[in-house]
């Protein structure tokens, strides 16, 4: 009986050691594959940022000057269209307004 237990114990020990070795090997192979840089395609999607209060006021004033008198308030549809149009403009064409930029050190959006 002791002989059978020794054989079974030895087989279990070999199985556990081979499983640990296989796990270590698989982990090192996965780490090696994940350490390589993977190329992906880049797509620049224009994101229409909401217009600031100052921009809405400036647009209202521009509209008032163009209509010779009182200006109607801009509705949400018009504001969305203007924000989308500004998002699709190339970055250097609109120097009159600041574009938001992400500051990784400050973790905030800053005008720049």
PDB file of N, CA and C in Angstrom:
ATOM      1  N   UNK A   1       0.813  -1.186   0.000  1.00  0.00           N
ATOM      2  CA  UNK A   1       0.000   0.000   0.000  1.00  0.00           C
ATOM      3  C   UNK A   1       0.862   1.258   0.000  1.00  0.00           C
ATOM      4  N   UNK A   2       1.944   1.237   0.778  1.00  0.00           N
ATOM      5  CA  UNK A   2       2.835   2.385   0.831  1.00  0.00           C
ATOM      6  C   UNK A   2       3.464   2.642  -0.526  1.00  0.00           C
ATOM      7  N   UNK A   3       3.745   1.589  -1.260  1.00  0.00           N
ATOM      8  CA  UNK A   3       4.368   1.714  -2.576  1.00  0.00           C
ATOM      9  C   UNK A   3       3.413   2.426  -3.554  1.00  0.00           C
ATOM     10  N   UNK A   4       2.142   2.098  -3.476  1.00  0.00           N
ATOM     11  CA  UNK A   4       1.152   2.711  -4.359  1.00  0.00           C
ATOM     12  C   UNK A   4       1.014   4.199  -4.020  1.00  0.00           C
ATOM     13  N   UNK A   5       0.991   4.540  -2.724  1.00  0.00           N
ATOM     14  CA  UNK A   5       0.889   5.926  -2.305  1.00  0.00           C
ATOM     15  C   UNK A   5       2.105   6.736  -2.758  1.00  0.00           C
ATOM     16  N   UNK A   6       3.286   6.137  -2.691  1.00  0.00           N
ATOM     17  CA  UNK A   6       4.495   6.813  -3.143  1.00  0.00           C
ATOM     18  C   UNK A   6       4.437   7.080  -4.653  1.00  0.00           C
ATOM     19  N   UNK A   7       3.950   6.130  -5.398  1.00  0.00           N
ATOM     20  CA  UNK A   7       3.860   6.289  -6.852  1.00  0.00           C
ATOM     21  C   UNK A   7       2.834   7.374  -7.193  1.00  0.00           C
ATOM     22  N   UNK A   8       1.681   7.304  -6.545  1.00  0.00           N
ATOM     23  CA  UNK A   8       0.643   8.305  -6.789  1.00  0.00           C
ATOM     24  C   UNK A   8       1.138   9.692  -6.353  1.00  0.00           C
ATOM     25  N   UNK A   9       1.784   9.794  -5.225  1.00  0.00           N
ATOM     26  CA  UNK A   9       2.350  11.064  -4.744  1.00  0.00           C
ATOM     27  C   UNK A   9       3.403  11.607  -5.700  1.00  0.00           C
ATOM     28  N   UNK A  10       4.231  10.714  -6.208  1.00  0.00           N
ATOM     29  CA  UNK A  10       5.258  11.128  -7.175  1.00  0.00           C
ATOM     30  C   UNK A  10       4.630  11.642  -8.462  1.00  0.00           C
ATOM     31  N   UNK A  11       3.589  10.958  -8.931  1.00  0.00           N
ATOM     32  CA  UNK A  11       2.902  11.403 -10.141  1.00  0.00           C
ATOM     33  C   UNK A  11       2.220  12.765  -9.933  1.00  0.00           C
ATOM     34  N   UNK A  12       1.620  12.954  -8.772  1.00  0.00           N
ATOM     35  CA  UNK A  12       0.979  14.238  -8.462  1.00  0.00           C
ATOM     36  C   UNK A  12       2.040  15.340  -8.410  1.00  0.00           C
ATOM     37  N   UNK A  13       3.187  15.055  -7.794  1.00  0.00           N
ATOM     38  CA  UNK A  13       4.262  16.050  -7.708  1.00  0.00           C
ATOM     39  C   UNK A  13       4.774  16.406  -9.103  1.00  0.00           C
ATOM     40  N   UNK A  14       4.953  15.389  -9.966  1.00  0.00           N
ATOM     41  CA  UNK A  14       5.408  15.648 -11.333  1.00  0.00           C
ATOM     42  C   UNK A  14       4.358  16.455 -12.088  1.00  0.00           C
ATOM     43  N   UNK A  15       3.099  16.150 -11.898  1.00  0.00           N
ATOM     44  CA  UNK A  15       2.019  16.875 -12.553  1.00  0.00           C
ATOM     45  C   UNK A  15       1.975  18.332 -12.099  1.00  0.00           C
ATOM     46  N   UNK A  16       2.113  18.571 -10.801  1.00  0.00           N
ATOM     47  CA  UNK A  16       2.103  19.935 -10.279  1.00  0.00           C
ATOM     48  C   UNK A  16       3.302  20.719 -10.801  1.00  0.00           C
ATOM     49  N   UNK A  17       4.490  20.110 -10.795  1.00  0.00           N
ATOM     50  CA  UNK A  17       5.688  20.785 -11.282  1.00  0.00           C
ATOM     51  C   UNK A  17       5.600  21.077 -12.781  1.00  0.00           C
ATOM     52  N   UNK A  18       5.068  20.138 -13.546  1.00  0.00           N
ATOM     53  CA  UNK A  18       4.942  20.384 -14.983  1.00  0.00           C
ATOM     54  C   UNK A  18       3.886  21.460 -15.255  1.00  0.00           C
ATOM     55  N   UNK A  19       2.822  21.519 -14.479  1.00  0.00           N
ATOM     56  CA  UNK A  19       1.822  22.575 -14.612  1.00  0.00           C
ATOM     57  C   UNK A  19       2.407  23.941 -14.288  1.00  0.00           C
ATOM     58  N   UNK A  20       3.206  24.023 -13.229  1.00  0.00           N
ATOM     59  CA  UNK A  20       3.850  25.278 -12.868  1.00  0.00           C
ATOM     60  C   UNK A  20       4.825  25.714 -13.953  1.00  0.00           C
ATOM     61  N   UNK A  21       5.575  24.753 -14.508  1.00  0.00           N
ATOM     62  CA  UNK A  21       6.508  25.078 -15.588  1.00  0.00           C
ATOM     63  C   UNK A  21       5.758  25.555 -16.825  1.00  0.00           C
ATOM     64  N   UNK A  22       4.658  24.911 -17.164  1.00  0.00           N
ATOM     65  CA  UNK A  22       3.864  25.319 -18.320  1.00  0.00           C
ATOM     66  C   UNK A  22       3.274  26.709 -18.099  1.00  0.00           C
ATOM     67  N   UNK A  23       2.813  26.998 -16.904  1.00  0.00           N
ATOM     68  CA  UNK A  23       2.254  28.306 -16.592  1.00  0.00           C
ATOM     69  C   UNK A  23       3.319  29.401 -16.711  1.00  0.00           C
ATOM     70  N   UNK A  24       4.521  29.119 -16.203  1.00  0.00           N
ATOM     71  CA  UNK A  24       5.627  30.071 -16.302  1.00  0.00           C
ATOM     72  C   UNK A  24       6.020  30.302 -17.754  1.00  0.00           C
ATOM     73  N   UNK A  25       6.103  29.245 -18.540  1.00  0.00           N
ATOM     74  CA  UNK A  25       6.457  29.368 -19.961  1.00  0.00           C
ATOM     75  C   UNK A  25       5.393  30.179 -20.714  1.00  0.00           C
ATOM     76  N   UNK A  26       4.116  29.882 -20.470  1.00  0.00           N
ATOM     77  CA  UNK A  26       3.039  30.598 -21.160  1.00  0.00           C
ATOM     78  C   UNK A  26       3.043  32.081 -20.782  1.00  0.00           C
ATOM     79  N   UNK A  27       3.318  32.387 -19.529  1.00  0.00           N
ATOM     80  CA  UNK A  27       3.394  33.783 -19.093  1.00  0.00           C
ATOM     81  C   UNK A  27       4.523  34.531 -19.758  1.00  0.00           C
ATOM     82  N   UNK A  28       5.678  33.886 -19.882  1.00  0.00           N
ATOM     83  CA  UNK A  28       6.810  34.565 -20.520  1.00  0.00           C
ATOM     84  C   UNK A  28       6.562  34.770 -22.016  1.00  0.00           C
ATOM     85  N   UNK A  29       5.918  33.814 -22.676  1.00  0.00           N
ATOM     86  CA  UNK A  29       5.586  33.972 -24.097  1.00  0.00           C
ATOM     87  C   UNK A  29       4.573  35.108 -24.276  1.00  0.00           C
ATOM     88  N   UNK A  30       3.574  35.171 -23.413  1.00  0.00           N
ATOM     89  CA  UNK A  30       2.572  36.235 -23.495  1.00  0.00           C
ATOM     90  C   UNK A  30       3.210  37.598 -23.238  1.00  0.00           C
ATOM     91  N   UNK A  31       4.105  37.687 -22.244  1.00  0.00           N
ATOM     92  CA  UNK A  31       4.779  38.955 -21.973  1.00  0.00           C
ATOM     93  C   UNK A  31       5.630  39.398 -23.159  1.00  0.00           C
ATOM     94  N   UNK A  32       6.313  38.446 -23.804  1.00  0.00           N
ATOM     95  CA  UNK A  32       7.145  38.785 -24.960  1.00  0.00           C
ATOM     96  C   UNK A  32       6.286  39.297 -26.112  1.00  0.00           C
ATOM     97  N   UNK A  33       5.143  38.706 -26.339  1.00  0.00           N
ATOM     98  CA  UNK A  33       4.272  39.155 -27.431  1.00  0.00           C
ATOM     99  C   UNK A  33       3.624  40.497 -27.118  1.00  0.00           C
ATOM    100  N   UNK A  34       3.264  40.710 -25.865  1.00  0.00           N
ATOM    101  CA  UNK A  34       2.620  41.969 -25.499  1.00  0.00           C
ATOM    102  C   UNK A  34       3.616  43.124 -25.392  1.00  0.00           C
ATOM    103  N   UNK A  35       4.900  42.825 -25.256  1.00  0.00           N
ATOM    104  CA  UNK A  35       5.912  43.868 -25.145  1.00  0.00           C
ATOM    105  C   UNK A  35       6.204  44.525 -26.490  1.00  0.00           C
ATOM    106  N   UNK A  36       5.875  43.847 -27.591  1.00  0.00           N
ATOM    107  CA  UNK A  36       6.116  44.416 -28.919  1.00  0.00           C
ATOM    108  C   UNK A  36       5.087  45.498 -29.222  1.00  0.00           C
ATOM    109  N   UNK A  37       5.498  46.568 -29.924  1.00  0.00           N
ATOM    110  CA  UNK A  37       4.511  47.585 -30.310  1.00  0.00           C
ATOM    111  C   UNK A  37       3.618  47.065 -31.430  1.00  0.00           C
ATOM    112  N   UNK A  38       2.351  47.343 -31.319  1.00  0.00           N
ATOM    113  CA  UNK A  38       1.385  46.920 -32.327  1.00  0.00           C
ATOM    114  C   UNK A  38       0.912  48.147 -33.091  1.00  0.00           C
ATOM    115  N   UNK A  39       0.994  48.104 -34.392  1.00  0.00           N
ATOM    116  CA  UNK A  39       0.563  49.214 -35.224  1.00  0.00           C
ATOM    117  C   UNK A  39      -0.953  49.153 -35.433  1.00  0.00           C
ATOM    118  N   UNK A  40      -1.577  50.290 -35.233  1.00  0.00           N
ATOM    119  CA  UNK A  40      -3.012  50.406 -35.488  1.00  0.00           C
ATOM    120  C   UNK A  40      -3.226  51.582 -36.417  1.00  0.00           C
ATOM    121  N   UNK A  41      -4.380  51.638 -37.015  1.00  0.00           N
ATOM    122  CA  UNK A  41      -4.668  52.775 -37.880  1.00  0.00           C
ATOM    123  C   UNK A  41      -5.111  53.949 -37.018  1.00  0.00           C
ATOM    124  N   UNK A  42      -4.834  55.144 -37.498  1.00  0.00           N
ATOM    125  CA  UNK A  42      -5.213  56.347 -36.766  1.00  0.00           C
ATOM    126  C   UNK A  42      -6.283  57.081 -37.559  1.00  0.00           C
ATOM    127  N   UNK A  43      -7.296  57.510 -36.859  1.00  0.00           N
ATOM    128  CA  UNK A  43      -8.380  58.257 -37.483  1.00  0.00           C
ATOM    129  C   UNK A  43      -8.594  59.520 -36.659  1.00  0.00           C
ATOM    130  N   UNK A  44      -8.533  60.656 -37.319  1.00  0.00           N
ATOM    131  CA  UNK A  44      -8.816  61.920 -36.644  1.00  0.00           C
ATOM    132  C   UNK A  44     -10.298  62.233 -36.812  1.00  0.00           C
ATOM    133  N   UNK A  45     -10.996  62.201 -35.710  1.00  0.00           N
ATOM    134  CA  UNK A  45     -12.427  62.461 -35.717  1.00  0.00           C
ATOM    135  C   UNK A  45     -12.658  63.847 -35.128  1.00  0.00           C
ATOM    136  N   UNK A  46     -13.282  64.746 -35.873  1.00  0.00           N
ATOM    137  CA  UNK A  46     -13.546  66.072 -35.314  1.00  0.00           C
ATOM    138  C   UNK A  46     -14.606  65.987 -34.218  1.00  0.00           C
ATOM    139  N   UNK A  47     -14.271  66.505 -33.061  1.00  0.00           N
ATOM    140  CA  UNK A  47     -15.198  66.481 -31.932  1.00  0.00           C
ATOM    141  C   UNK A  47     -15.712  67.900 -31.712  1.00  0.00           C
ATOM    142  N   UNK A  48     -17.003  68.122 -31.887  1.00  0.00           N
ATOM    143  CA  UNK A  48     -17.520  69.471 -31.680  1.00  0.00           C
ATOM    144  C   UNK A  48     -17.651  69.784 -30.187  1.00  0.00           C
ATOM    145  N   UNK A  49     -16.715  70.583 -29.666  1.00  0.00           N
ATOM    146  CA  UNK A  49     -16.782  70.974 -28.267  1.00  0.00           C
ATOM    147  C   UNK A  49     -17.915  71.991 -28.101  1.00  0.00           C
ATOM    148  N   UNK A  50     -18.571  71.985 -26.971  1.00  0.00           N
ATOM    149  CA  UNK A  50     -19.636  72.963 -26.762  1.00  0.00           C
ATOM    150  C   UNK A  50     -19.065  74.378 -26.822  1.00  0.00           C
ATOM    151  N   UNK A  51     -19.849  75.286 -27.360  1.00  0.00           N
ATOM    152  CA  UNK A  51     -19.407  76.672 -27.440  1.00  0.00           C
ATOM    153  C   UNK A  51     -19.442  77.287 -26.046  1.00  0.00           C
ATOM    154  N   UNK A  52     -18.422  78.098 -25.768  1.00  0.00           N
ATOM    155  CA  UNK A  52     -18.386  78.761 -24.463  1.00  0.00           C
ATOM    156  C   UNK A  52     -19.421  79.887 -24.440  1.00  0.00           C
ATOM    157  N   UNK A  53     -19.675  80.386 -23.258  1.00  0.00           N
ATOM    158  CA  UNK A  53     -20.648  81.467 -23.089  1.00  0.00           C
ATOM    159  C   UNK A  53     -20.200  82.706 -23.874  1.00  0.00           C
ATOM    160  N   UNK A  54     -18.886  82.976 -23.870  1.00  0.00           N
ATOM    161  CA  UNK A  54     -18.355  84.133 -24.591  1.00  0.00           C
ATOM    162  C   UNK A  54     -18.555  83.966 -26.101  1.00  0.00           C
ATOM    163  N   UNK A  55     -18.352  82.750 -26.609  1.00  0.00           N
ATOM    164  CA  UNK A  55     -18.541  82.510 -28.040  1.00  0.00           C
ATOM    165  C   UNK A  55     -20.007  82.675 -28.440  1.00  0.00           C
ATOM    166  N   UNK A  56     -20.909  82.203 -27.603  1.00  0.00           N
ATOM    167  CA  UNK A  56     -22.342  82.356 -27.900  1.00  0.00           C
ATOM    168  C   UNK A  56     -22.714  83.836 -27.902  1.00  0.00           C
ATOM    169  N   UNK A  57     -22.187  84.597 -26.930  1.00  0.00           N
ATOM    170  CA  UNK A  57     -22.470  86.030 -26.894  1.00  0.00           C
ATOM    171  C   UNK A  57     -21.892  86.728 -28.118  1.00  0.00           C
ATOM    172  N   UNK A  58     -20.665  86.358 -28.525  1.00  0.00           N
ATOM    173  CA  UNK A  58     -20.054  86.968 -29.710  1.00  0.00           C
ATOM    174  C   UNK A  58     -20.871  86.641 -30.966  1.00  0.00           C
ATOM    175  N   UNK A  59     -21.343  85.408 -31.083  1.00  0.00           N
ATOM    176  CA  UNK A  59     -22.167  85.041 -32.237  1.00  0.00           C
ATOM    177  C   UNK A  59     -23.483  85.806 -32.243  1.00  0.00           C
ATOM    178  N   UNK A  60     -24.062  86.007 -31.065  1.00  0.00           N
ATOM    179  CA  UNK A  60     -25.308  86.763 -30.971  1.00  0.00           C
ATOM    180  C   UNK A  60     -25.078  88.216 -31.385  1.00  0.00           C
ATOM    181  N   UNK A  61     -23.945  88.795 -30.967  1.00  0.00           N
ATOM    182  CA  UNK A  61     -23.635  90.169 -31.348  1.00  0.00           C
ATOM    183  C   UNK A  61     -23.384  90.282 -32.848  1.00  0.00           C
ATOM    184  N   UNK A  62     -22.677  89.324 -33.420  1.00  0.00           N
ATOM    185  CA  UNK A  62     -22.441  89.318 -34.869  1.00  0.00           C
ATOM    186  C   UNK A  62     -23.764  89.233 -35.619  1.00  0.00           C
ATOM    187  N   UNK A  63     -24.645  88.403 -35.110  1.00  0.00           N
ATOM    188  CA  UNK A  63     -25.952  88.248 -35.750  1.00  0.00           C
ATOM    189  C   UNK A  63     -26.762  89.527 -35.633  1.00  0.00           C
ATOM    190  N   UNK A  64     -26.658  90.208 -34.476  1.00  0.00           N
ATOM    191  CA  UNK A  64     -27.392  91.460 -34.271  1.00  0.00           C
ATOM    192  C   UNK A  64     -26.886  92.536 -35.219  1.00  0.00           C
ATOM    193  N   UNK A  65     -25.590  92.584 -35.457  1.00  0.00           N
ATOM    194  CA  UNK A  65     -25.035  93.578 -36.372  1.00  0.00           C
ATOM    195  C   UNK A  65     -25.483  93.298 -37.803  1.00  0.00           C
ATOM    196  N   UNK A  66     -25.596  92.034 -38.152  1.00  0.00           N
ATOM    197  CA  UNK A  66     -26.002  91.670 -39.500  1.00  0.00           C
ATOM    198  C   UNK A  66     -27.478  91.879 -39.764  1.00  0.00           C
ATOM    199  N   UNK A  67     -28.300  91.889 -38.715  1.00  0.00           N
ATOM    200  CA  UNK A  67     -29.746  92.025 -38.891  1.00  0.00           C
ATOM    201  C   UNK A  67     -30.254  93.438 -38.659  1.00  0.00           C
ATOM    202  N   UNK A  68     -29.359  94.389 -38.392  1.00  0.00           N
ATOM    203  CA  UNK A  68     -29.748  95.784 -38.164  1.00  0.00           C
ATOM    204  C   UNK A  68     -30.798  95.898 -37.067  1.00  0.00           C
ATOM    205  N   UNK A  69     -30.446  95.486 -35.916  1.00  0.00           N
ATOM    206  CA  UNK A  69     -31.383  95.627 -34.809  1.00  0.00           C
ATOM    207  C   UNK A  69     -31.304  94.451 -33.867  1.00  0.00           C
ATOM    208  N   UNK A  70     -32.463  94.093 -33.348  1.00  0.00           N
ATOM    209  CA  UNK A  70     -32.522  93.015 -32.371  1.00  0.00           C
ATOM    210  C   UNK A  70     -32.202  91.660 -32.980  1.00  0.00           C
ATOM    211  N   UNK A  71     -31.488  90.874 -32.243  1.00  0.00           N
ATOM    212  CA  UNK A  71     -31.109  89.542 -32.713  1.00  0.00           C
ATOM    213  C   UNK A  71     -31.918  88.507 -31.965  1.00  0.00           C
ATOM    214  N   UNK A  72     -32.355  87.533 -32.704  1.00  0.00           N
ATOM    215  CA  UNK A  72     -33.050  86.420 -32.063  1.00  0.00           C
ATOM    216  C   UNK A  72     -32.006  85.526 -31.407  1.00  0.00           C
ATOM    217  N   UNK A  73     -32.330  84.912 -30.277  1.00  0.00           N
ATOM    218  CA  UNK A  73     -31.350  84.025 -29.644  1.00  0.00           C
ATOM    219  C   UNK A  73     -31.092  82.791 -30.514  1.00  0.00           C
ATOM    220  N   UNK A  74     -29.872  82.325 -30.467  1.00  0.00           N
ATOM    221  CA  UNK A  74     -29.500  81.137 -31.229  1.00  0.00           C
ATOM    222  C   UNK A  74     -30.097  79.909 -30.564  1.00  0.00           C
ATOM    223  N   UNK A  75     -30.703  79.040 -31.353  1.00  0.00           N
ATOM    224  CA  UNK A  75     -31.256  77.826 -30.771  1.00  0.00           C
ATOM    225  C   UNK A  75     -30.178  76.729 -30.756  1.00  0.00           C
ATOM    226  N   UNK A  76     -30.486  75.628 -30.092  1.00  0.00           N
ATOM    227  CA  UNK A  76     -29.512  74.543 -29.906  1.00  0.00           C
ATOM    228  C   UNK A  76     -29.066  73.944 -31.230  1.00  0.00           C
ATOM    229  N   UNK A  77     -29.950  73.888 -32.197  1.00  0.00           N
ATOM    230  CA  UNK A  77     -29.611  73.307 -33.497  1.00  0.00           C
ATOM    231  C   UNK A  77     -28.561  74.154 -34.211  1.00  0.00           C
ATOM    232  N   UNK A  78     -28.725  75.483 -34.152  1.00  0.00           N
ATOM    233  CA  UNK A  78     -27.753  76.373 -34.779  1.00  0.00           C
ATOM    234  C   UNK A  78     -26.411  76.321 -34.066  1.00  0.00           C
ATOM    235  N   UNK A  79     -26.436  76.262 -32.726  1.00  0.00           N
ATOM    236  CA  UNK A  79     -25.196  76.180 -31.969  1.00  0.00           C
ATOM    237  C   UNK A  79     -24.452  74.882 -32.256  1.00  0.00           C
ATOM    238  N   UNK A  80     -25.179  73.784 -32.383  1.00  0.00           N
ATOM    239  CA  UNK A  80     -24.558  72.500 -32.707  1.00  0.00           C
ATOM    240  C   UNK A  80     -23.947  72.539 -34.099  1.00  0.00           C
ATOM    241  N   UNK A  81     -24.642  73.156 -35.046  1.00  0.00           N
ATOM    242  CA  UNK A  81     -24.110  73.261 -36.410  1.00  0.00           C
ATOM    243  C   UNK A  81     -22.838  74.090 -36.436  1.00  0.00           C
ATOM    244  N   UNK A  82     -22.799  75.182 -35.681  1.00  0.00           N
ATOM    245  CA  UNK A  82     -21.607  76.029 -35.632  1.00  0.00           C
ATOM    246  C   UNK A  82     -20.446  75.276 -34.973  1.00  0.00           C
ATOM    247  N   UNK A  83     -20.722  74.573 -33.877  1.00  0.00           N
ATOM    248  CA  UNK A  83     -19.666  73.815 -33.196  1.00  0.00           C
ATOM    249  C   UNK A  83     -19.126  72.715 -34.095  1.00  0.00           C
ATOM    250  N   UNK A  84     -19.998  72.038 -34.844  1.00  0.00           N
ATOM    251  CA  UNK A  84     -19.550  70.989 -35.759  1.00  0.00           C
ATOM    252  C   UNK A  84     -18.711  71.578 -36.885  1.00  0.00           C
ATOM    253  N   UNK A  85     -19.130  72.713 -37.406  1.00  0.00           N
ATOM    254  CA  UNK A  85     -18.365  73.371 -38.475  1.00  0.00           C
ATOM    255  C   UNK A  85     -16.976  73.758 -37.971  1.00  0.00           C
ATOM    256  N   UNK A  86     -16.896  74.290 -36.766  1.00  0.00           N
ATOM    257  CA  UNK A  86     -15.595  74.668 -36.202  1.00  0.00           C
ATOM    258  C   UNK A  86     -14.729  73.444 -35.918  1.00  0.00           C
ATOM    259  N   UNK A  87     -15.335  72.329 -35.567  1.00  0.00           N
ATOM    260  CA  UNK A  87     -14.560  71.116 -35.313  1.00  0.00           C
ATOM    261  C   UNK A  87     -13.964  70.561 -36.590  1.00  0.00           C
ATOM    262  N   UNK A  88     -14.624  70.795 -37.725  1.00  0.00           N
ATOM    263  CA  UNK A  88     -14.152  70.265 -38.995  1.00  0.00           C
ATOM    264  C   UNK A  88     -13.147  71.180 -39.676  1.00  0.00           C
ATOM    265  N   UNK A  89     -12.954  72.391 -39.166  1.00  0.00           N
ATOM    266  CA  UNK A  89     -11.983  73.305 -39.742  1.00  0.00           C
ATOM    267  C   UNK A  89     -10.575  72.806 -39.445  1.00  0.00           C
ATOM    268  N   UNK A  90      -9.642  73.030 -40.363  1.00  0.00           N
ATOM    269  CA  UNK A  90      -8.247  72.729 -40.042  1.00  0.00           C
ATOM    270  C   UNK A  90      -7.797  73.592 -38.873  1.00  0.00           C
ATOM    271  N   UNK A  91      -6.858  73.116 -38.050  1.00  0.00           N
ATOM    272  CA  UNK A  91      -6.509  73.812 -36.821  1.00  0.00           C
ATOM    273  C   UNK A  91      -5.950  75.222 -37.002  1.00  0.00           C
ATOM    274  N   UNK A  92      -5.279  75.534 -38.099  1.00  0.00           N
ATOM    275  CA  UNK A  92      -4.634  76.834 -38.236  1.00  0.00           C
ATOM    276  C   UNK A  92      -5.511  77.882 -38.885  1.00  0.00           C
ATOM    277  N   UNK A  93      -6.717  77.548 -39.287  1.00  0.00           N
ATOM    278  CA  UNK A  93      -7.545  78.515 -40.004  1.00  0.00           C
ATOM    279  C   UNK A  93      -8.327  79.422 -39.079  1.00  0.00           C
ATOM    280  N   UNK A  94      -8.452  79.067 -37.850  1.00  0.00           N
ATOM    281  CA  UNK A  94      -9.295  79.847 -36.936  1.00  0.00           C
ATOM    282  C   UNK A  94      -8.429  80.389 -35.801  1.00  0.00           C
ATOM    283  N   UNK A  95      -7.720  81.465 -36.065  1.00  0.00           N
ATOM    284  CA  UNK A  95      -6.824  82.006 -35.054  1.00  0.00           C
ATOM    285  C   UNK A  95      -7.538  82.949 -34.094  1.00  0.00           C
ATOM    286  N   UNK A  96      -8.789  83.314 -34.372  1.00  0.00           N
ATOM    287  CA  UNK A  96      -9.484  84.281 -33.534  1.00  0.00           C
ATOM    288  C   UNK A  96     -10.011  83.663 -32.243  1.00  0.00           C
ATOM    289  N   UNK A  97     -10.043  82.373 -32.151  1.00  0.00           N
ATOM    290  CA  UNK A  97     -10.544  81.754 -30.923  1.00  0.00           C
ATOM    291  C   UNK A  97      -9.566  80.688 -30.455  1.00  0.00           C
ATOM    292  N   UNK A  98      -9.543  80.453 -29.173  1.00  0.00           N
ATOM    293  CA  UNK A  98      -8.644  79.456 -28.600  1.00  0.00           C
ATOM    294  C   UNK A  98      -9.253  78.078 -28.743  1.00  0.00           C
ATOM    295  N   UNK A  99      -8.415  77.108 -29.025  1.00  0.00           N
ATOM    296  CA  UNK A  99      -8.881  75.729 -29.100  1.00  0.00           C
ATOM    297  C   UNK A  99      -8.447  75.006 -27.837  1.00  0.00           C
ATOM    298  N   UNK A 100      -9.296  74.179 -27.257  1.00  0.00           N
ATOM    299  CA  UNK A 100      -8.917  73.506 -26.025  1.00  0.00           C
ATOM    300  C   UNK A 100      -7.820  72.472 -26.280  1.00  0.00           C
ATOM    301  N   UNK A 101      -6.923  72.351 -25.327  1.00  0.00           N
ATOM    302  CA  UNK A 101      -5.838  71.385 -25.423  1.00  0.00           C
ATOM    303  C   UNK A 101      -5.727  70.654 -24.100  1.00  0.00           C
ATOM    304  N   UNK A 102      -5.493  69.360 -24.166  1.00  0.00           N
ATOM    305  CA  UNK A 102      -5.398  68.551 -22.962  1.00  0.00           C
ATOM    306  C   UNK A 102      -4.011  68.687 -22.383  1.00  0.00           C
ATOM    307  N   UNK A 103      -3.930  69.024 -21.114  1.00  0.00           N
ATOM    308  CA  UNK A 103      -2.658  69.129 -20.420  1.00  0.00           C
ATOM    309  C   UNK A 103      -2.515  67.894 -19.543  1.00  0.00           C
ATOM    310  N   UNK A 104      -1.583  67.011 -19.921  1.00  0.00           N
ATOM    311  CA  UNK A 104      -1.421  65.760 -19.178  1.00  0.00           C
ATOM    312  C   UNK A 104      -0.836  66.011 -17.809  1.00  0.00           C
ATOM    313  N   UNK A 105      -0.017  67.056 -17.672  1.00  0.00           N
ATOM    314  CA  UNK A 105       0.579  67.312 -16.366  1.00  0.00           C
ATOM    315  C   UNK A 105      -0.431  67.880 -15.395  1.00  0.00           C
ATOM    316  N   UNK A 106      -1.311  68.751 -15.893  1.00  0.00           N
ATOM    317  CA  UNK A 106      -2.313  69.344 -15.007  1.00  0.00           C
ATOM    318  C   UNK A 106      -3.618  68.559 -15.011  1.00  0.00           C
ATOM    319  N   UNK A 107      -3.773  67.642 -15.957  1.00  0.00           N
ATOM    320  CA  UNK A 107      -4.974  66.816 -16.099  1.00  0.00           C
ATOM    321  C   UNK A 107      -6.229  67.686 -16.245  1.00  0.00           C
ATOM    322  N   UNK A 108      -6.117  68.745 -17.045  1.00  0.00           N
ATOM    323  CA  UNK A 108      -7.248  69.636 -17.279  1.00  0.00           C
ATOM    324  C   UNK A 108      -7.254  70.042 -18.740  1.00  0.00           C
ATOM    325  N   UNK A 109      -8.368  70.607 -19.167  1.00  0.00           N
ATOM    326  CA  UNK A 109      -8.457  71.214 -20.493  1.00  0.00           C
ATOM    327  C   UNK A 109      -8.057  72.663 -20.346  1.00  0.00           C
ATOM    328  N   UNK A 110      -7.159  73.096 -21.200  1.00  0.00           N
ATOM    329  CA  UNK A 110      -6.716  74.486 -21.145  1.00  0.00           C
ATOM    330  C   UNK A 110      -6.861  75.102 -22.527  1.00  0.00           C
ATOM    331  N   UNK A 111      -7.196  76.366 -22.572  1.00  0.00           N
ATOM    332  CA  UNK A 111      -7.275  77.053 -23.859  1.00  0.00           C
ATOM    333  C   UNK A 111      -5.858  77.296 -24.357  1.00  0.00           C
ATOM    334  N   UNK A 112      -5.663  77.022 -25.631  1.00  0.00           N
ATOM    335  CA  UNK A 112      -4.299  77.209 -26.137  1.00  0.00           C
ATOM    336  C   UNK A 112      -4.261  77.355 -27.602  1.00  0.00           C
TER     337      UNK A 112
END
